[in-house]
Every structure is written in C-alpha cells, then in structure tokens.
Amino acid sequence: MTLVLAAPLAAGRLGRFNPAAKLAAAAIVMVGLLVTADLVTAGIVLGAELAALPLARVRPGELARRAWPLPVAAAGVALANLVASSAPGTTTAAISIRLIAIALPGVLVFASTDAVDLADALVQQVRVPPRFAYGALAAFRLLPMLAAEWETIGRARRARGIDAGRSPLRAAALFGSRVYALLVAAIRTGTRLAAAMDARGFDSRSPRSCARRQVVRAHDWLLVAATAAVVAGANLTAVAVGAWHPLLL
C-alpha cells in the first residue's frame, strides 16, 4: 500500500516523462536482470539507479518513506536463501540486490505518475483496450477506499464490543470474518462501478477519442535508450570479468 497508494512524488524531472516511456524503461531493467543472477550486473544497475536519483530530483526522505519495504524484502530473501539453499553467498547477495534494482524503477514510475496520465498513455502509446485501461484506473482509485473501509469495519466492531482479547484463535477468526466483510463491500462497489462505466459508454465497441493527449518526446526516447545502454553495459561487463551466469526463476 505504501508504495502505490500515496500521492505522486514531488519529482520535477520524473513527472515530465511520458508514462509509457517510464514503463518501458522499468521493463528493460526487469528483463535485463531476470536473465542473470551475478553480483556485477545487479550492482552496476542498482548503482546507476541510485546515481540517477539526484538528476531526477527525487527527495531522499520521501523516497525512503515509500520504498522502505524493499530493503526489508531483500533481507528476507537473503535470509531464506541462506537457510534453505546451498547457493554461495555471492549469489544470495546478487539475488537480493537484483530484487531492489528491479523494484526501485517500478516504485519511481508509479510514485511519479498520475493514474489518469498512466491510463491515457496505455491507451494511446501501448494500444491497450480502453475498457481494460480505464477499468484498471477505476480499480486503482478504489484501493484507498478499500483501506478506509477496512478501518471502518474495525471501528464498528470495536464499538459493538467485538474484540479478540488475548486469544490468538479468536483473533484469527475475527480477522477472517473482517476480510469476508471487506470482500462483500468490494464486490458491491465493483458492481456499481461496472454499471456506471457501462452507462457512460465504456462497453461500446465504437472508437473512442482522447481528451488528454500523451506525447512521446525526444527526452522520453533518451530515457529508454539510456536505460537499455546501462542494462546492456552491465551484462557485458559481467561477461567480460567472467561473473555472468544465467538464472531462470
């Protein structure tokens, strides 16, 4: 929730890029790192991402507030590999660093992009069907409402004296019933939203016009090309030093 639902970052330069170009750059990083598990490639890519943060004018404190689960998840992956796997320590470290290097661009993309602009770019540049793109936008906008609904259900139950006390079994039962209540509320909200979107013509097969144009400019192509060059250079460097080896997960 922390990574996605917060308001867009106050990142001046990142916010100026086309959302489709930012998604393409993040996809290049993901593909380039999923083919290998060596420490050199992951380290170079992560180092380049961290070096580019000042250029993007991302506030370190705000980024840390949003992306703090990444190092926690990387530490958990490293611990799990050390306990349950016979892989060497360098491979374990490479997998953890790779996880951060893959996830960090995604955090920056979603945190620096308005959801409406993202949906428009998916329709105009990626050629995603409008019904799917704007349906995903609507679902994205409903996530904060679900979080508020979860809190409302909890407060209502506490007001009626429904509490687990110190019993873990009672707490598990109450948690399950709370999840069920949230699921019922989500289905009802989704049904009303689907009917409203169909009433506004989202179910029509006729072509739709775009009120907000998303333009791919020269700096967008430069972002994609620079990302591809960094990822390719990292893999070639690992090959040159003899550290590169494939890993299919």
Protein backbone atom coordinates (compact mmCIF):
# COMPACT_ATOMS: atom_id res chain seq x y z
CA MET A 1 0.00 0.00 0.00
CA THR A 2 2.79 2.42 0.94
CA LEU A 3 4.42 2.10 -2.47
CA VAL A 4 1.41 2.74 -4.65
CA LEU A 5 -1.45 4.48 -2.88
CA ALA A 6 0.33 7.63 -1.76
CA ALA A 7 0.14 10.85 -3.75
CA PRO A 8 2.61 11.31 -6.61
CA LEU A 9 6.16 12.21 -5.71
CA ALA A 10 7.27 15.82 -5.96
CA ALA A 11 9.80 14.72 -8.58
CA GLY A 12 10.17 17.52 -11.10
CA ARG A 13 12.00 15.76 -13.89
CA LEU A 14 10.49 12.32 -13.47
CA GLY A 15 6.97 13.71 -13.72
CA ARG A 16 7.75 15.24 -17.13
CA PHE A 17 8.40 11.90 -18.82
CA ASN A 18 5.70 10.06 -20.71
CA PRO A 19 4.26 7.26 -18.50
CA ALA A 20 4.68 4.70 -21.31
CA ALA A 21 8.38 5.60 -21.63
CA LYS A 22 8.87 5.15 -17.90
CA LEU A 23 7.11 1.79 -18.02
CA ALA A 24 9.32 0.74 -20.94
CA ALA A 25 12.46 1.72 -19.02
CA ALA A 26 11.32 -0.26 -15.96
CA ALA A 27 10.54 -3.27 -18.17
CA ILE A 28 14.02 -3.13 -19.71
CA VAL A 29 15.58 -3.20 -16.26
CA MET A 30 13.41 -6.15 -15.23
CA VAL A 31 14.20 -8.21 -18.33
CA GLY A 32 17.89 -7.38 -18.19
CA LEU A 33 18.19 -8.51 -14.58
CA LEU A 34 15.97 -11.58 -14.74
CA VAL A 35 18.34 -13.37 -17.13
CA THR A 36 21.27 -13.36 -14.72
CA ALA A 37 21.96 -13.64 -11.01
CA ASP A 38 25.53 -12.35 -10.85
CA LEU A 39 26.54 -9.64 -8.41
CA VAL A 40 28.28 -7.46 -11.00
CA THR A 41 25.24 -6.88 -13.23
CA ALA A 42 22.86 -6.24 -10.34
CA GLY A 43 25.35 -3.95 -8.60
CA ILE A 44 26.02 -1.84 -11.68
CA VAL A 45 22.33 -1.39 -12.47
CA LEU A 46 21.45 -0.52 -8.87
CA GLY A 47 24.38 1.88 -8.68
CA ALA A 48 23.21 3.61 -11.87
CA GLU A 49 19.67 3.93 -10.46
CA LEU A 50 20.91 5.46 -7.23
CA ALA A 51 23.22 7.81 -9.13
CA ALA A 52 20.29 8.98 -11.28
CA LEU A 53 18.10 9.87 -8.30
CA PRO A 54 19.62 13.38 -7.83
CA LEU A 55 19.18 14.03 -11.57
CA ALA A 56 15.51 13.12 -11.24
CA ARG A 57 15.22 15.48 -8.24
CA VAL A 58 13.65 12.86 -6.01
CA ARG A 59 13.71 13.76 -2.35
CA PRO A 60 15.60 11.03 -0.46
CA GLY A 61 13.35 11.25 2.60
CA GLU A 62 10.17 10.91 0.58
CA LEU A 63 11.58 8.02 -1.43
CA ALA A 64 12.69 6.25 1.77
CA ARG A 65 9.20 6.65 3.22
CA ARG A 66 7.68 4.93 0.20
CA ALA A 67 10.32 2.32 -0.60
CA TRP A 68 11.29 1.11 2.88
CA PRO A 69 9.73 -2.37 2.26
CA LEU A 70 12.31 -3.03 -0.48
CA PRO A 71 15.38 -3.50 1.75
CA VAL A 72 13.24 -5.44 4.23
CA ALA A 73 12.08 -7.80 1.47
CA ALA A 74 15.64 -8.12 0.14
CA ALA A 75 16.90 -9.03 3.60
CA GLY A 76 14.14 -11.64 3.91
CA VAL A 77 15.04 -13.15 0.54
CA ALA A 78 18.70 -13.28 1.51
CA LEU A 79 17.90 -14.97 4.83
CA ALA A 80 15.63 -17.52 3.14
CA ASN A 81 18.33 -18.37 0.60
CA LEU A 82 20.98 -18.75 3.28
CA VAL A 83 18.78 -21.08 5.33
CA ALA A 84 17.09 -23.16 2.61
CA SER A 85 19.53 -23.03 -0.30
CA SER A 86 23.04 -24.23 -0.97
CA ALA A 87 23.81 -21.26 -3.22
CA PRO A 88 27.01 -19.36 -2.45
CA GLY A 89 26.91 -16.07 -0.59
CA THR A 90 27.63 -14.02 -3.70
CA THR A 91 24.59 -15.47 -5.47
CA THR A 92 22.41 -14.76 -2.44
CA ALA A 93 23.63 -11.17 -2.33
CA ALA A 94 23.11 -10.82 -6.07
CA ILE A 95 19.51 -12.02 -5.81
CA SER A 96 18.77 -9.52 -3.03
CA ILE A 97 20.39 -6.61 -4.87
CA ARG A 98 18.60 -7.66 -8.05
CA LEU A 99 15.27 -7.54 -6.22
CA ILE A 100 15.89 -3.93 -5.16
CA ALA A 101 17.18 -2.95 -8.61
CA ILE A 102 14.07 -4.37 -10.30
CA ALA A 103 11.55 -2.94 -7.83
CA LEU A 104 13.03 0.56 -7.45
CA PRO A 105 12.15 1.73 -11.00
CA GLY A 106 8.60 0.48 -10.52
CA VAL A 107 8.29 2.47 -7.30
CA LEU A 108 9.54 5.59 -9.07
CA VAL A 109 7.22 5.07 -12.05
CA PHE A 110 4.03 4.73 -10.01
CA ALA A 111 5.03 7.35 -7.44
CA SER A 112 5.83 10.00 -10.07
CA THR A 113 2.91 9.33 -12.44
CA ASP A 114 -0.67 10.43 -12.17
CA ALA A 115 -3.02 7.45 -12.57
CA VAL A 116 -5.10 9.21 -15.23
CA ASP A 117 -1.99 10.02 -17.28
CA LEU A 118 -0.89 6.40 -16.98
CA ALA A 119 -4.23 5.12 -18.28
CA ASP A 120 -4.15 7.61 -21.16
CA ALA A 121 -0.62 6.57 -22.11
CA LEU A 122 -1.56 2.88 -22.01
CA VAL A 123 -4.40 3.55 -24.44
CA GLN A 124 -2.53 5.91 -26.77
CA GLN A 125 1.03 4.54 -26.84
CA VAL A 126 0.73 0.89 -25.73
CA ARG A 127 -2.62 0.38 -27.53
CA VAL A 128 -4.28 -1.22 -24.53
CA PRO A 129 -8.08 -1.50 -24.98
CA PRO A 130 -9.76 1.50 -23.30
CA ARG A 131 -12.18 -0.71 -21.38
CA PHE A 132 -9.29 -2.53 -19.72
CA ALA A 133 -7.11 0.57 -19.16
CA TYR A 134 -9.80 2.75 -17.61
CA GLY A 135 -11.22 -0.20 -15.71
CA ALA A 136 -7.79 -0.69 -14.17
CA LEU A 137 -7.68 3.04 -13.42
CA ALA A 138 -11.01 2.80 -11.62
CA ALA A 139 -9.79 -0.21 -9.63
CA PHE A 140 -6.61 1.67 -8.75
CA ARG A 141 -8.66 4.59 -7.47
CA LEU A 142 -10.78 2.23 -5.34
CA LEU A 143 -7.80 0.88 -3.39
CA PRO A 144 -7.70 3.79 -0.90
CA MET A 145 -11.46 3.36 -0.42
CA LEU A 146 -10.91 -0.30 0.48
CA ALA A 147 -8.28 0.72 3.03
CA ALA A 148 -10.75 3.20 4.56
CA GLU A 149 -13.48 0.53 4.52
CA TRP A 150 -11.16 -1.86 6.39
CA GLU A 151 -10.66 0.73 9.13
CA THR A 152 -14.39 1.45 9.28
CA ILE A 153 -15.23 -2.23 9.76
CA GLY A 154 -12.68 -2.46 12.58
CA ARG A 155 -14.03 0.62 14.37
CA ALA A 156 -17.62 -0.58 14.02
CA ARG A 157 -16.74 -3.92 15.57
CA ARG A 158 -14.90 -2.32 18.45
CA ALA A 159 -17.90 -0.05 19.08
CA ARG A 160 -20.09 -3.18 19.39
CA GLY A 161 -17.66 -4.77 21.83
CA ILE A 162 -16.34 -7.40 19.41
CA ASP A 163 -12.73 -7.96 20.44
CA ALA A 164 -10.37 -10.93 20.39
CA GLY A 165 -8.69 -10.06 23.66
CA ARG A 166 -5.55 -12.15 24.11
CA SER A 167 -6.81 -15.22 22.27
CA PRO A 168 -4.90 -15.86 19.02
CA LEU A 169 -7.61 -18.24 17.78
CA ARG A 170 -10.29 -15.65 18.37
CA ALA A 171 -8.13 -13.04 16.62
CA ALA A 172 -7.71 -15.31 13.59
CA ALA A 173 -11.46 -15.94 13.40
CA LEU A 174 -12.25 -12.23 13.66
CA PHE A 175 -9.64 -11.44 11.01
CA GLY A 176 -11.24 -13.92 8.61
CA SER A 177 -14.72 -12.50 9.13
CA ARG A 178 -13.36 -8.98 8.68
CA VAL A 179 -11.76 -9.97 5.37
CA TYR A 180 -15.07 -11.50 4.27
CA ALA A 181 -16.94 -8.30 5.13
CA LEU A 182 -14.39 -6.29 3.12
CA LEU A 183 -14.78 -8.69 0.18
CA VAL A 184 -18.57 -8.24 0.20
CA ALA A 185 -18.18 -4.46 0.26
CA ALA A 186 -15.64 -4.60 -2.60
CA ILE A 187 -17.95 -6.74 -4.76
CA ARG A 188 -20.86 -4.36 -4.20
CA THR A 189 -18.71 -1.32 -5.03
CA GLY A 190 -17.26 -3.02 -8.11
CA THR A 191 -20.72 -3.97 -9.37
CA ARG A 192 -21.98 -0.39 -9.04
CA LEU A 193 -18.83 0.94 -10.71
CA ALA A 194 -19.15 -1.50 -13.63
CA ALA A 195 -22.77 -0.46 -14.19
CA ALA A 196 -21.79 3.22 -14.08
CA MET A 197 -18.96 2.70 -16.60
CA ASP A 198 -21.24 0.77 -18.98
CA ALA A 199 -23.79 3.59 -18.74
CA ARG A 200 -21.06 6.00 -19.83
CA GLY A 201 -20.26 4.02 -22.95
CA PHE A 202 -17.20 2.05 -21.84
CA ASP A 203 -18.88 -1.11 -23.09
CA SER A 204 -19.30 0.33 -26.58
CA ARG A 205 -17.32 -1.15 -29.47
CA SER A 206 -17.13 2.16 -31.32
CA PRO A 207 -13.78 4.05 -31.36
CA ARG A 208 -13.16 6.46 -28.50
CA SER A 209 -11.48 9.83 -28.76
CA CYS A 210 -8.85 11.04 -26.28
CA ALA A 211 -9.38 14.30 -24.42
CA ARG A 212 -5.87 14.30 -22.92
CA ARG A 213 -3.09 13.71 -25.43
CA GLN A 214 0.07 11.92 -24.25
CA VAL A 215 3.02 12.81 -26.48
CA VAL A 216 6.31 10.90 -26.70
CA ARG A 217 9.11 13.45 -26.94
CA ALA A 218 12.85 13.24 -27.52
CA HIS A 219 13.71 13.04 -23.82
CA ASP A 220 11.36 10.04 -23.47
CA TRP A 221 13.27 8.16 -26.17
CA LEU A 222 16.51 9.24 -24.49
CA LEU A 223 15.34 7.72 -21.19
CA VAL A 224 14.55 4.38 -22.84
CA ALA A 225 17.83 4.36 -24.79
CA ALA A 226 19.91 5.28 -21.74
CA THR A 227 18.25 2.55 -19.68
CA ALA A 228 18.90 -0.05 -22.38
CA ALA A 229 22.53 1.08 -22.64
CA VAL A 230 23.09 0.80 -18.87
CA VAL A 231 21.50 -2.66 -18.65
CA ALA A 232 23.38 -3.95 -21.70
CA GLY A 233 26.63 -2.46 -20.43
CA ALA A 234 26.16 -4.09 -17.03
CA ASN A 235 25.61 -7.51 -18.59
CA LEU A 236 28.58 -7.09 -20.96
CA THR A 237 30.80 -6.02 -18.06
CA ALA A 238 29.80 -9.12 -16.12
CA VAL A 239 30.59 -11.28 -19.16
CA ALA A 240 33.98 -9.58 -19.55
CA VAL A 241 35.01 -10.23 -15.95
CA GLY A 242 33.67 -13.79 -16.02
CA ALA A 243 30.95 -13.22 -13.43
CA TRP A 244 27.87 -13.52 -15.66
CA HIS A 245 25.79 -16.67 -15.44
CA PRO A 246 22.14 -17.24 -16.36
CA LEU A 247 19.47 -17.88 -13.81
CA LEU A 248 15.88 -18.71 -14.73
CA LEU A 249 13.35 -18.11 -11.97
